[in-house]
Protein backbone atom coordinates (compact mmCIF):
# COMPACT_ATOMS: atom_id res chain seq x y z
CA MET A 1 0.00 0.00 0.00
CA GLU A 2 1.40 3.37 -1.07
CA ILE A 3 -0.15 5.09 1.92
CA LEU A 4 2.16 3.14 4.25
CA GLY A 5 5.06 5.19 2.90
CA PHE A 6 3.69 8.11 4.93
CA LEU A 7 3.78 6.12 8.18
CA PRO A 8 7.15 7.53 9.41
CA LEU A 9 5.93 11.06 8.73
CA ILE A 10 2.71 10.37 10.64
CA VAL A 11 4.70 9.09 13.64
CA VAL A 12 6.87 12.22 13.59
CA LEU A 13 3.78 14.43 13.42
CA ALA A 14 2.25 12.58 16.36
CA ILE A 15 5.38 13.12 18.46
CA VAL A 16 5.47 16.81 17.54
CA ALA A 17 1.79 17.16 18.46
CA VAL A 18 2.30 15.55 21.86
CA VAL A 19 5.27 17.84 22.60
CA ILE A 20 3.40 20.99 21.57
CA LEU A 21 0.03 20.16 23.09
CA GLY A 22 1.28 18.69 26.37
CA ASP A 23 2.77 21.49 28.44
CA ARG A 24 3.71 20.04 31.83
CA LYS A 25 4.65 23.45 33.19
CA GLU A 26 1.01 24.44 33.42
CA PRO A 27 -0.95 23.39 36.54
CA ASP A 28 -3.48 20.61 36.12
CA PRO A 29 -5.83 20.71 39.13
CA GLN A 30 -8.66 18.92 37.31
CA ARG A 31 -6.29 16.25 35.91
CA ASP A 32 -7.82 16.45 32.44
CA ARG A 33 -4.63 17.34 30.57
CA PRO A 34 -3.80 13.73 29.49
CA LEU A 35 -7.28 13.34 27.98
CA ALA A 36 -7.08 16.69 26.22
CA VAL A 37 -3.60 15.92 24.83
CA TYR A 38 -4.78 12.53 23.56
CA LEU A 39 -7.83 14.04 21.85
CA GLY A 40 -5.77 16.84 20.30
CA THR A 41 -3.10 14.45 19.04
CA ALA A 42 -5.71 12.07 17.59
CA CYS A 43 -7.42 14.93 15.75
CA PHE A 44 -4.14 16.32 14.42
CA VAL A 45 -2.92 12.94 13.17
CA GLY A 46 -6.37 12.21 11.73
CA VAL A 47 -6.36 15.44 9.72
CA ALA A 48 -2.80 14.76 8.50
CA MET A 49 -3.75 11.23 7.43
CA LEU A 50 -6.86 12.56 5.71
CA LEU A 51 -4.83 15.01 3.63
CA MET A 52 -2.27 12.33 2.75
CA SER A 53 -4.96 9.88 1.73
CA VAL A 54 -6.63 12.52 -0.46
CA PHE A 55 -3.29 12.96 -2.22
CA VAL A 56 -3.01 9.19 -2.80
CA VAL A 57 -6.60 8.95 -4.05
CA VAL A 58 -6.32 11.87 -6.46
CA THR A 59 -2.93 10.71 -7.75
CA GLY A 60 -4.24 7.20 -8.34
CA ALA A 61 -7.38 8.48 -10.06
CA THR A 62 -5.48 10.72 -12.44
CA SER A 63 -2.88 8.04 -13.19
CA ILE A 64 -5.59 5.67 -14.36
CA THR A 65 -6.37 8.07 -17.20
CA GLU A 66 -2.89 7.68 -18.68
CA GLY A 67 -2.19 5.73 -21.85
CA ALA A 68 -2.54 2.02 -22.41
CA ARG A 69 -0.53 0.41 -19.64
CA ASN A 70 -1.10 -1.74 -16.59
CA HIS A 71 -3.00 0.27 -13.96
CA ASP A 72 -3.11 -2.37 -11.23
CA GLU A 73 -0.77 -0.37 -9.01
CA ASP A 74 -2.79 2.80 -9.57
CA VAL A 75 -6.03 1.03 -8.68
CA THR A 76 -4.42 -0.43 -5.55
CA GLY A 77 -3.27 3.00 -4.48
CA LEU A 78 -6.70 4.45 -5.15
CA VAL A 79 -8.49 1.81 -3.09
CA SER A 80 -5.99 1.97 -0.23
CA GLY A 81 -6.27 5.74 -0.17
CA LEU A 82 -10.06 5.55 0.03
CA ILE A 83 -9.86 3.11 2.93
CA VAL A 84 -7.40 5.27 4.88
CA ALA A 85 -9.42 8.40 4.09
CA ALA A 86 -12.55 6.80 5.52
CA LEU A 87 -10.68 5.70 8.67
CA ALA A 88 -9.07 9.12 9.13
CA ALA A 89 -12.40 10.88 8.68
CA GLY A 90 -13.91 8.57 11.29
CA VAL A 91 -11.09 9.35 13.74
CA VAL A 92 -11.60 13.09 13.35
CA ARG A 93 -15.37 12.77 13.46
CA PHE A 94 -15.19 10.86 16.75
CA HIS A 95 -12.48 12.83 18.58
CA LEU A 96 -13.06 16.42 17.49
CA PRO A 97 -16.43 16.93 19.27
CA GLN A 98 -14.94 15.51 22.45
CA LEU A 99 -11.94 17.82 22.16
CA LYS A 100 -14.28 20.80 21.86
CA SER A 101 -16.29 19.58 24.86
CA VAL A 102 -13.24 19.45 27.16
CA SER A 103 -12.29 23.01 26.16
CA ASP A 104 -14.47 24.25 29.04
CA SER A 105 -11.56 23.61 31.41
CA PRO A 106 -8.38 25.74 31.27
CA ASN A 107 -6.17 22.84 30.13
CA GLY A 108 -8.73 21.67 27.59
CA LEU A 109 -9.05 25.17 26.16
CA ARG A 110 -5.27 25.52 25.99
CA VAL A 111 -4.89 22.20 24.14
CA PHE A 112 -7.76 22.96 21.75
CA THR A 113 -6.30 26.37 20.95
CA ARG A 114 -2.87 24.90 20.20
CA TYR A 115 -4.42 22.13 18.13
CA VAL A 116 -6.28 24.68 16.03
CA TYR A 117 -3.12 26.66 15.29
CA ILE A 118 -0.76 23.76 14.54
CA THR A 119 -3.36 22.16 12.26
CA SER A 120 -3.89 25.49 10.52
CA PHE A 121 -0.13 25.73 9.99
CA LEU A 122 0.01 22.20 8.55
CA ALA A 123 -2.87 22.92 6.19
CA LEU A 124 -1.22 26.19 5.15
CA LEU A 125 2.02 24.43 4.23
CA VAL A 126 0.17 21.82 2.18
CA ALA A 127 -1.98 24.46 0.49
CA LEU A 128 1.01 26.59 -0.46
CA GLY A 129 3.03 23.66 -1.80
CA THR A 130 0.21 22.13 -3.84
CA ALA A 131 -1.01 25.49 -5.13
CA ALA A 132 2.49 26.36 -6.33
CA THR A 133 2.78 22.98 -8.06
CA ALA A 134 -0.63 23.44 -9.67
CA ALA A 135 0.37 26.88 -10.92
CA PHE A 136 3.51 25.42 -12.47
CA ALA A 137 1.41 22.67 -14.07
CA VAL A 138 -0.64 25.37 -15.79
CA TYR A 139 2.57 26.55 -17.39
CA GLY A 140 3.34 22.92 -18.26
CA THR A 141 0.11 22.59 -20.23
CA VAL A 142 1.24 25.47 -22.43
CA ALA A 143 4.91 24.52 -22.80
CA PRO A 144 5.29 20.89 -21.69
CA GLU A 145 8.76 20.36 -23.09
CA THR A 146 10.15 23.46 -21.45
CA ALA A 147 8.54 22.50 -18.13
CA ASN A 148 9.96 18.93 -18.38
CA TYR A 149 6.60 17.22 -18.96
CA ASP A 150 6.20 14.41 -21.49
CA SER A 151 3.02 15.97 -22.82
CA TRP A 152 0.44 18.59 -21.98
CA ALA A 153 -1.80 15.77 -20.72
CA ASP A 154 0.71 14.87 -18.00
CA ALA A 155 0.82 18.49 -16.89
CA PHE A 156 -2.97 18.64 -16.91
CA ARG A 157 -3.23 15.53 -14.73
CA GLN A 158 -0.84 17.05 -12.22
CA LEU A 159 -2.83 20.26 -12.35
CA ILE A 160 -6.00 18.36 -11.42
CA SER A 161 -4.39 16.38 -8.59
CA MET A 162 -2.56 19.34 -7.07
CA GLY A 163 -5.59 21.57 -7.49
CA VAL A 164 -7.76 19.11 -5.55
CA MET A 165 -5.13 18.88 -2.82
CA ALA A 166 -4.89 22.65 -2.58
CA ALA A 167 -8.67 22.90 -2.30
CA ALA A 168 -8.86 20.19 0.37
CA SER A 169 -6.10 21.73 2.49
CA GLY A 170 -7.70 25.14 1.99
CA LEU A 171 -10.98 23.86 3.42
CA VAL A 172 -9.13 22.44 6.43
CA LEU A 173 -7.34 25.75 6.92
CA GLN A 174 -10.56 27.72 6.60
CA TRP A 175 -12.42 25.65 9.22
CA HIS A 176 -9.61 25.72 11.77
CA TRP A 177 -8.93 29.41 11.25
CA ARG A 178 -12.61 30.12 11.87
CA GLN A 179 -12.31 28.23 15.15
CA ALA A 180 -9.26 30.33 16.06
CA THR A 181 -11.20 33.51 15.29
CA GLU A 182 -14.06 32.39 17.52
CA LEU A 183 -11.63 31.59 20.33
CA ARG A 184 -10.06 35.03 20.10
CA ALA A 185 -13.50 36.67 20.10
CA ALA A 186 -14.54 34.65 23.14
CA GLU A 187 -11.39 35.66 25.01
CA THR A 188 -11.96 39.31 24.13
CA SER A 189 -15.59 39.26 25.29
CA ALA A 190 -14.67 37.42 28.48
CA GLY A 191 -12.04 40.03 29.25
CA ALA A 192 -14.52 42.84 28.63
CA GLU A 193 -17.14 41.33 30.95
CA VAL A 194 -14.76 41.25 33.89
CA GLU A 195 -14.98 44.72 35.42
CA PRO A 196 -11.91 45.85 37.27
CA GLU A 197 -12.37 46.38 40.95
CA PRO A 198 -12.48 50.05 41.97
CA ILE A 199 -9.25 51.25 43.43
CA ALA A 200 -9.69 52.83 46.83
CA PRO A 201 -8.20 56.29 47.13
CA PRO A 202 -5.04 56.44 49.19
CA THR A 203 -5.51 57.32 52.82
CA PRO A 204 -4.10 60.78 53.48
CA VAL A 205 -1.19 60.75 55.86
CA ARG A 206 -1.53 63.34 58.56
CA LYS A 207 1.63 65.08 59.50
CA ARG A 208 2.23 65.32 63.18
CA ALA A 209 3.15 68.65 64.60
CA PRO A 210 6.59 68.74 66.12
CA ALA A 211 6.54 68.24 69.88
CA LYS A 212 6.98 71.46 71.83
CA THR A 213 9.89 71.59 74.19
CA ALA A 214 8.65 72.22 77.65
CA THR A 215 10.37 75.22 79.21
CA ALA A 216 10.97 75.07 82.86
CA LYS A 217 9.29 77.91 84.70
CA LYS A 218 11.24 79.66 87.34
CA ALA A 219 9.61 79.59 90.71
CA ALA A 220 8.56 82.96 91.99
CA PRO A 221 10.41 84.16 95.13
CA ARG A 222 8.56 83.60 98.30
CA LYS A 223 7.57 86.62 100.37
CA LYS A 224 8.94 86.72 103.83
């Protein structure tokens, strides 16, 4: 299965997610940080696997349209990509609502916020890379020999596959960035609702008058 070639990358992404999401320096009075880190890591890996499987599916589907040759490997990659895509979608569909539900606690909110941003960054990288490749493929359809394509059809197939990948990663980025915007708006409104306590005016310090030095009175002379 071609999708298994991404397994080392998935393991690395999982380790990176655990390191970023799990901050042991923060206090955990409710002891819900391990659950939140697990849910965030599962969602992040699920989204990464979903994007990788979409790439395998689209690549296999476009390769089938090539000239007369054996397409058994392409069909195998297409089917395996569909299976992994279904599993990854199920992982995200199961874990993401639970991750949002634990965001009521401070640790859960912190993990959910970090998950949203690292997943947005991953989707942004994929979107930029695939969009740039798709743009180059447009040039390849016009001048295939100059762009090192065998024919304009090869460039067009790459344009379709990279365009679909760019659109899929763009949708992922859009959804997660909307979640980040809502989180920032909620933090802003929560900060505005908390009214600062009035500061009591400083108590005036009374200056004490300097103590008067008692002068000894001379006794009057007694009359004889």
